C-alpha atoms as a PDB file:
ATOM      1  CA  TRP A   1     -19.753-101.145  32.588  1.00  0.00           C
ATOM      2  CA  GLY A   2     -20.996-101.316  36.121  1.00  0.00           C
ATOM      3  CA  ILE A   3     -24.535-100.754  37.463  1.00  0.00           C
ATOM      4  CA  TRP A   4     -26.535 -97.793  36.151  1.00  0.00           C
ATOM      5  CA  ILE A   5     -29.924 -96.304  36.806  1.00  0.00           C
ATOM      6  CA  SER A   6     -31.742 -95.143  33.671  1.00  0.00           C
ATOM      7  CA  ALA A   7     -34.534 -92.626  33.284  1.00  0.00           C
ATOM      8  CA  LEU A   8     -36.525 -92.527  29.996  1.00  0.00           C
ATOM      9  CA  ALA A   9     -39.284 -90.229  28.740  1.00  0.00           C
ATOM     10  CA  PRO A  10     -41.093 -89.983  25.349  1.00  0.00           C
ATOM     11  CA  VAL A  11     -41.065 -86.831  23.229  1.00  0.00           C
ATOM     12  CA  ILE A  12     -44.655 -86.411  21.921  1.00  0.00           C
ATOM     13  CA  ASP A  13     -45.781 -84.305  18.969  1.00  0.00           C
ATOM     14  CA  PRO A  14     -48.295 -81.803  20.420  1.00  0.00           C
ATOM     15  CA  GLN A  15     -50.436 -81.872  17.237  1.00  0.00           C
ATOM     16  CA  ASP A  16     -50.934 -85.521  16.375  1.00  0.00           C
ATOM     17  CA  LYS A  17     -49.722 -86.937  19.718  1.00  0.00           C
ATOM     18  CA  HIS A  18     -47.244 -89.260  18.018  1.00  0.00           C
ATOM     19  CA  VAL A  19     -44.065 -90.232  19.862  1.00  0.00           C
ATOM     20  CA  LEU A  20     -41.238 -88.570  18.061  1.00  0.00           C
ATOM     21  CA  ALA A  21     -38.388 -89.855  20.186  1.00  0.00           C
ATOM     22  CA  VAL A  22     -37.356 -91.205  23.500  1.00  0.00           C
ATOM     23  CA  VAL A  23     -35.027 -89.175  25.687  1.00  0.00           C
ATOM     24  CA  GLY A  24     -33.102 -90.829  28.476  1.00  0.00           C
ATOM     25  CA  PHE A  25     -30.151 -90.434  30.765  1.00  0.00           C
ATOM     26  CA  ASP A  26     -28.126 -92.813  32.851  1.00  0.00           C
ATOM     27  CA  VAL A  27     -26.809 -92.198  36.358  1.00  0.00           C
ATOM     28  CA  PRO A  28     -24.281 -94.430  38.106  1.00  0.00           C
ATOM     29  CA  ALA A  29     -26.151 -96.382  40.781  1.00  0.00           C
ATOM     30  CA  ALA A  30     -23.543 -95.607  43.439  1.00  0.00           C
ATOM     31  CA  ALA A  31     -23.895 -91.840  42.890  1.00  0.00           C
ATOM     32  CA  TRP A  32     -27.689 -92.099  42.934  1.00  0.00           C
ATOM     33  CA  GLN A  33     -27.685 -94.096  46.137  1.00  0.00           C
ATOM     34  CA  GLN A  34     -25.257 -91.587  47.668  1.00  0.00           C
ATOM     35  CA  GLU A  35     -27.579 -88.723  46.756  1.00  0.00           C
ATOM     36  CA  VAL A  36     -30.604 -90.578  48.124  1.00  0.00           C
ATOM     37  CA  SER A  37     -28.713 -91.343  51.341  1.00  0.00           C
ATOM     38  CA  ARG A  38     -27.740 -87.664  51.635  1.00  0.00           C
ATOM     39  CA  TYR A  39     -31.375 -86.548  51.371  1.00  0.00           C
ATOM     40  CA  ARG A  40     -32.469 -89.314  53.725  1.00  0.00           C
ATOM     41  CA  LEU A  41     -29.927 -88.178  56.314  1.00  0.00           C
ATOM     42  CA  PHE A  42     -31.057 -84.580  55.817  1.00  0.00           C
ATOM     43  CA  GLY A  43     -34.656 -85.674  56.401  1.00  0.00           C
ATOM     44  CA  VAL A  44     -33.732 -87.607  59.537  1.00  0.00           C
ATOM     45  CA  ALA A  45     -31.712 -84.641  60.848  1.00  0.00           C
ATOM     46  CA  LEU A  46     -34.585 -82.235  60.114  1.00  0.00           C
ATOM     47  CA  ALA A  47     -37.086 -84.535  61.827  1.00  0.00           C
ATOM     48  CA  SER A  48     -34.759 -84.891  64.830  1.00  0.00           C
ATOM     49  CA  LEU A  49     -34.307 -81.118  65.013  1.00  0.00           C
ATOM     50  CA  MET A  50     -38.071 -80.581  64.880  1.00  0.00           C
ATOM     51  CA  GLY A  51     -38.549 -83.196  67.592  1.00  0.00           C
ATOM     52  CA  ALA A  52     -35.898 -81.544  69.763  1.00  0.00           C
ATOM     53  CA  LEU A  53     -37.503 -78.118  69.280  1.00  0.00           C
ATOM     54  CA  ILE A  54     -40.923 -79.489  70.193  1.00  0.00           C
ATOM     55  CA  ALA A  55     -39.467 -81.200  73.268  1.00  0.00           C
ATOM     56  CA  LEU A  56     -37.629 -78.010  74.262  1.00  0.00           C
ATOM     57  CA  PHE A  57     -40.824 -75.988  73.815  1.00  0.00           C
ATOM     58  CA  GLY A  58     -42.716 -78.455  75.998  1.00  0.00           C
ATOM     59  CA  VAL A  59     -40.036 -78.433  78.692  1.00  0.00           C
ATOM     60  CA  THR A  60     -39.962 -74.615  78.641  1.00  0.00           C
ATOM     61  CA  ILE A  61     -43.729 -74.403  79.082  1.00  0.00           C
ATOM     62  CA  PHE A  62     -43.562 -76.977  81.890  1.00  0.00           C
ATOM     63  CA  PHE A  63     -40.895 -75.076  83.825  1.00  0.00           C
ATOM     64  CA  GLN A  64     -42.602 -71.744  83.203  1.00  0.00           C
ATOM     65  CA  ALA A  65     -45.798 -73.180  84.646  1.00  0.00           C
ATOM     66  CA  ARG A  66     -43.898 -74.463  87.687  1.00  0.00           C
ATOM     67  CA  ALA A  67     -42.145 -71.114  88.109  1.00  0.00           C
ATOM     68  CA  ARG A  68     -45.459 -69.251  87.919  1.00  0.00           C
ATOM     69  CA  ASP A  69     -46.874 -71.623  90.494  1.00  0.00           C
ATOM     70  CA  ARG A  70     -43.897 -71.104  92.825  1.00  0.00           C
ATOM     71  CA  ILE A  71     -44.132 -67.333  92.384  1.00  0.00           C
ATOM     72  CA  SER A  72     -47.884 -67.193  92.901  1.00  0.00           C
ATOM     73  CA  ARG A  73     -47.755 -69.221  96.129  1.00  0.00           C
ATOM     74  CA  PRO A  74     -45.312 -66.883  97.936  1.00  0.00           C
ATOM     75  CA  ASN A  75     -47.258 -63.886  96.650  1.00  0.00           C
ATOM     76  CA  THR A  76     -50.456 -65.364  98.058  1.00  0.00           C
ATOM     77  CA  ASP A  77     -48.712 -66.180 101.336  1.00  0.00           C
ATOM     78  CA  LEU A  78     -47.184 -62.689 101.437  1.00  0.00           C
ATOM     79  CA  LYS A  79     -50.566 -61.043 100.863  1.00  0.00           C
ATOM     80  CA  THR A  80     -52.028 -63.143 103.665  1.00  0.00           C
ATOM     81  CA  GLN A  81     -49.176 -62.217 106.004  1.00  0.00           C
ATOM     82  CA  VAL A  82     -49.456 -58.522 105.128  1.00  0.00           C
ATOM     83  CA  SER A  83     -53.199 -58.660 105.759  1.00  0.00           C
ATOM     84  CA  GLU A  84     -52.661 -60.375 109.113  1.00  0.00           C
ATOM     85  CA  LEU A  85     -49.976 -57.855 110.093  1.00  0.00           C
ATOM     86  CA  ALA A  86     -52.236 -54.949 109.157  1.00  0.00           C
ATOM     87  CA  ARG A  87     -55.049 -56.467 111.215  1.00  0.00           C
ATOM     88  CA  SER A  88     -52.711 -57.012 114.169  1.00  0.00           C
ATOM     89  CA  ASN A  89     -51.415 -53.462 113.848  1.00  0.00           C
ATOM     90  CA  ARG A  90     -54.967 -52.072 113.972  1.00  0.00           C
ATOM     91  CA  ILE A  91     -55.618 -54.089 117.132  1.00  0.00           C
ATOM     92  CA  VAL A  92     -52.429 -52.756 118.744  1.00  0.00           C
ATOM     93  CA  GLU A  93     -53.066 -49.153 117.716  1.00  0.00           C
ATOM     94  CA  ASN A  94     -56.662 -49.214 118.988  1.00  0.00           C
ATOM     95  CA  SER A  95     -55.842 -50.969 122.238  1.00  0.00           C
ATOM     96  CA  SER A  96     -55.551 -49.144 125.549  1.00  0.00           C
ATOM     97  CA  THR A  97     -52.349 -51.098 126.177  1.00  0.00           C
ATOM     98  CA  VAL A  98     -49.216 -49.181 125.146  1.00  0.00           C
ATOM     99  CA  VAL A  99     -46.657 -51.112 123.080  1.00  0.00           C
ATOM    100  CA  PHE A 100     -43.154 -49.707 122.669  1.00  0.00           C
ATOM    101  CA  ARG A 101     -39.617 -50.499 121.514  1.00  0.00           C
ATOM    102  CA  ILE A 102     -36.347 -48.861 122.657  1.00  0.00           C
ATOM    103  CA  ASP A 103     -33.211 -49.189 120.498  1.00  0.00           C
ATOM    104  CA  LEU A 104     -30.184 -49.926 122.689  1.00  0.00           C
ATOM    105  CA  ARG A 105     -27.774 -49.214 119.824  1.00  0.00           C
ATOM    106  CA  ASP A 106     -28.975 -45.657 119.222  1.00  0.00           C
ATOM    107  CA  SER A 107     -28.822 -43.698 122.496  1.00  0.00           C
ATOM    108  CA  HIS A 108     -31.843 -45.591 123.842  1.00  0.00           C
ATOM    109  CA  ARG A 109     -34.023 -44.013 121.176  1.00  0.00           C
ATOM    110  CA  LEU A 110     -37.730 -44.842 121.208  1.00  0.00           C
ATOM    111  CA  THR A 111     -38.206 -46.371 117.756  1.00  0.00           C
ATOM    112  CA  TYR A 112     -41.844 -47.393 118.144  1.00  0.00           C
ATOM    113  CA  VAL A 113     -44.723 -46.516 120.412  1.00  0.00           C
ATOM    114  CA  SER A 114     -48.404 -47.213 119.879  1.00  0.00           C
ATOM    115  CA  ARG A 115     -50.569 -44.280 118.890  1.00  0.00           C
ATOM    116  CA  ILE A 116     -52.484 -44.065 122.169  1.00  0.00           C
ATOM    117  CA  TRP A 117     -49.368 -42.963 124.107  1.00  0.00           C
ATOM    118  CA  ALA A 118     -48.543 -40.195 121.620  1.00  0.00           C
ATOM    119  CA  HIS A 119     -52.191 -39.065 121.806  1.00  0.00           C
ATOM    120  CA  ASP A 120     -52.346 -39.102 125.605  1.00  0.00           C
ATOM    121  CA  CYS A 121     -49.074 -37.193 125.891  1.00  0.00           C
ATOM    122  CA  GLU A 122     -49.837 -34.864 122.964  1.00  0.00           C
ATOM    123  CA  CYS A 123     -46.419 -35.654 121.518  1.00  0.00           C
ATOM    124  CA  SER A 124     -45.632 -36.157 117.860  1.00  0.00           C
ATOM    125  CA  ALA A 125     -43.954 -39.354 116.734  1.00  0.00           C
ATOM    126  CA  ASP A 126     -40.806 -37.391 115.828  1.00  0.00           C
ATOM    127  CA  LEU A 127     -40.646 -35.829 119.275  1.00  0.00           C
ATOM    128  CA  LEU A 128     -41.109 -39.158 121.018  1.00  0.00           C
ATOM    129  CA  ALA A 129     -38.385 -40.683 118.824  1.00  0.00           C
ATOM    130  CA  ALA A 130     -35.827 -38.081 119.877  1.00  0.00           C
ATOM    131  CA  ALA A 131     -33.068 -39.610 121.974  1.00  0.00           C
ATOM    132  CA  ASP A 132     -33.953 -39.707 125.691  1.00  0.00           C
ATOM    133  CA  HIS A 133     -36.924 -37.329 125.259  1.00  0.00           C
ATOM    134  CA  TRP A 134     -39.377 -40.040 126.259  1.00  0.00           C
ATOM    135  CA  ALA A 135     -37.654 -40.301 129.663  1.00  0.00           C
ATOM    136  CA  SER A 136     -38.728 -36.734 130.481  1.00  0.00           C
ATOM    137  CA  LEU A 137     -42.362 -37.862 130.371  1.00  0.00           C
ATOM    138  CA  PHE A 138     -41.922 -39.874 133.569  1.00  0.00           C
ATOM    139  CA  HIS A 139     -42.322 -38.603 137.113  1.00  0.00           C
ATOM    140  CA  ASP A 140     -39.117 -37.252 138.666  1.00  0.00           C
ATOM    141  CA  ASP A 141     -39.373 -39.706 141.541  1.00  0.00           C
ATOM    142  CA  ASP A 142     -39.427 -42.643 139.087  1.00  0.00           C
ATOM    143  CA  GLN A 143     -36.579 -41.515 136.800  1.00  0.00           C
ATOM    144  CA  SER A 144     -33.759 -43.268 138.659  1.00  0.00           C
ATOM    145  CA  ALA A 145     -35.652 -46.563 138.922  1.00  0.00           C
ATOM    146  CA  ILE A 146     -36.537 -46.528 135.208  1.00  0.00           C
ATOM    147  CA  HIS A 147     -32.978 -45.771 134.074  1.00  0.00           C
ATOM    148  CA  ALA A 148     -31.564 -48.392 136.434  1.00  0.00           C
ATOM    149  CA  ASP A 149     -34.011 -50.942 135.022  1.00  0.00           C
ATOM    150  CA  ILE A 150     -32.988 -50.173 131.440  1.00  0.00           C
ATOM    151  CA  GLU A 151     -29.283 -50.354 132.276  1.00  0.00           C
ATOM    152  CA  LYS A 152     -29.842 -53.701 133.995  1.00  0.00           C
ATOM    153  CA  LEU A 153     -31.421 -55.070 130.826  1.00  0.00           C
ATOM    154  CA  ALA A 154     -28.819 -53.527 128.513  1.00  0.00           C
ATOM    155  CA  SER A 155     -25.896 -54.906 130.548  1.00  0.00           C
ATOM    156  CA  CYS A 156     -27.136 -58.520 130.430  1.00  0.00           C
ATOM    157  CA  LYS A 157     -28.055 -58.597 134.124  1.00  0.00           C
ATOM    158  CA  ALA A 158     -31.649 -59.506 133.291  1.00  0.00           C
ATOM    159  CA  ALA A 159     -33.699 -60.693 130.298  1.00  0.00           C
ATOM    160  CA  ASN A 160     -37.004 -59.159 131.370  1.00  0.00           C
ATOM    161  CA  SER A 161     -38.371 -56.834 133.985  1.00  0.00           C
ATOM    162  CA  ARG A 162     -41.525 -55.389 135.511  1.00  0.00           C
ATOM    163  CA  LEU A 163     -41.872 -51.943 137.032  1.00  0.00           C
ATOM    164  CA  GLU A 164     -44.651 -49.616 138.187  1.00  0.00           C
ATOM    165  CA  PHE A 165     -44.116 -45.932 137.479  1.00  0.00           C
ATOM    166  CA  ARG A 166     -45.884 -42.737 136.468  1.00  0.00           C
ATOM    167  CA  PHE A 167     -45.894 -40.862 133.159  1.00  0.00           C
ATOM    168  CA  ARG A 168     -47.185 -37.386 132.440  1.00  0.00           C
ATOM    169  CA  ARG A 169     -50.441 -36.923 130.539  1.00  0.00           C
ATOM    170  CA  ALA A 170     -51.177 -34.060 128.180  1.00  0.00           C
ATOM    171  CA  ASP A 171     -53.044 -32.168 130.926  1.00  0.00           C
ATOM    172  CA  GLY A 172     -50.024 -32.325 133.235  1.00  0.00           C
ATOM    173  CA  SER A 173     -51.394 -35.047 135.506  1.00  0.00           C
ATOM    174  CA  PHE A 174     -49.610 -38.367 135.979  1.00  0.00           C
ATOM    175  CA  ALA A 175     -50.949 -41.826 135.220  1.00  0.00           C
ATOM    176  CA  TRP A 176     -49.719 -44.924 137.029  1.00  0.00           C
ATOM    177  CA  VAL A 177     -48.665 -47.692 134.651  1.00  0.00           C
ATOM    178  CA  ASP A 178     -47.537 -51.282 134.997  1.00  0.00           C
ATOM    179  CA  GLY A 179     -44.592 -51.711 132.596  1.00  0.00           C
ATOM    180  CA  ARG A 180     -43.366 -55.114 131.479  1.00  0.00           C
ATOM    181  CA  VAL A 181     -40.328 -55.336 129.212  1.00  0.00           C
ATOM    182  CA  SER A 182     -38.076 -57.978 127.682  1.00  0.00           C
ATOM    183  CA  ILE A 183     -34.788 -57.904 125.826  1.00  0.00           C
ATOM    184  CA  VAL A 184     -34.396 -58.415 122.055  1.00  0.00           C
ATOM    185  CA  THR A 185     -31.216 -59.979 120.663  1.00  0.00           C
ATOM    186  CA  ASP A 186     -29.810 -60.289 117.147  1.00  0.00           C
ATOM    187  CA  GLU A 187     -28.703 -63.471 115.399  1.00  0.00           C
ATOM    188  CA  ILE A 188     -25.413 -63.641 117.346  1.00  0.00           C
ATOM    189  CA  GLY A 189     -26.950 -62.901 120.732  1.00  0.00           C
ATOM    190  CA  ARG A 190     -26.187 -59.193 121.083  1.00  0.00           C
ATOM    191  CA  ARG A 191     -28.809 -57.157 122.963  1.00  0.00           C
ATOM    192  CA  ILE A 192     -30.149 -54.635 120.469  1.00  0.00           C
ATOM    193  CA  ALA A 193     -33.513 -53.475 121.824  1.00  0.00           C
ATOM    194  CA  ILE A 194     -36.037 -53.518 124.620  1.00  0.00           C
ATOM    195  CA  GLU A 195     -39.663 -54.248 123.822  1.00  0.00           C
ATOM    196  CA  GLY A 196     -42.492 -53.873 126.263  1.00  0.00           C
ATOM    197  CA  ILE A 197     -46.078 -53.077 127.113  1.00  0.00           C
ATOM    198  CA  MET A 198     -47.649 -50.717 129.625  1.00  0.00           C
ATOM    199  CA  PHE A 199     -51.061 -50.951 131.327  1.00  0.00           C
ATOM    200  CA  ASP A 200     -52.783 -47.993 132.920  1.00  0.00           C
ATOM    201  CA  ILE A 201     -53.315 -48.910 136.590  1.00  0.00           C
ATOM    202  CA  SER A 202     -54.304 -45.465 137.840  1.00  0.00           C
ATOM    203  CA  ASP A 203     -57.694 -46.702 139.076  1.00  0.00           C
ATOM    204  CA  VAL A 204     -56.041 -49.532 140.994  1.00  0.00           C
ATOM    205  CA  LYS A 205     -53.587 -47.136 142.635  1.00  0.00           C
ATOM    206  CA  LYS A 206     -56.416 -44.750 143.485  1.00  0.00           C
ATOM    207  CA  ALA A 207     -58.354 -47.598 145.094  1.00  0.00           C
ATOM    208  CA  GLU A 208     -55.286 -48.601 147.109  1.00  0.00           C
END
């Protein structure tokens, strides 16, 4: 008859507690073992799934922590750089030395000039930025030398230059300045701008 697994249980009278009968059932051993194996496999699969989920959760937290760390470091570095740039900008704006930049790609437009020049000339930033307007602030006798110097830089005949010239103050008088400029190139070597500084040397000229 093959191998069977039997389960038996007594039927007890609830009043006098006597056993009235015995109830049992038989299950083929192969079917029982198959059912047990099925539940065992289900348990192993469930445990494996839980383990995988826990591992995935741990890996996610690990990479999130690393990502936050990578993000926070550049943000800290960026804040430091912004702070340093702001500090440098305050130094430039409060200095008596004039810093400027001329864009060679846009009709030699003055794209930046430190605040002291605009204040001394009583010119707004928009007016100074107008194409070629800044050139009218120089003495007539110096115009040709200044334009020739700029063209020399723009046409690759020089990488830097130094020139003494005069520019008009707000009261109509002229100040002697010592201008020093250098060329700015892009990533492929094209000349895109001229950057420079100017020192007021009026006292030196007066002494001479």
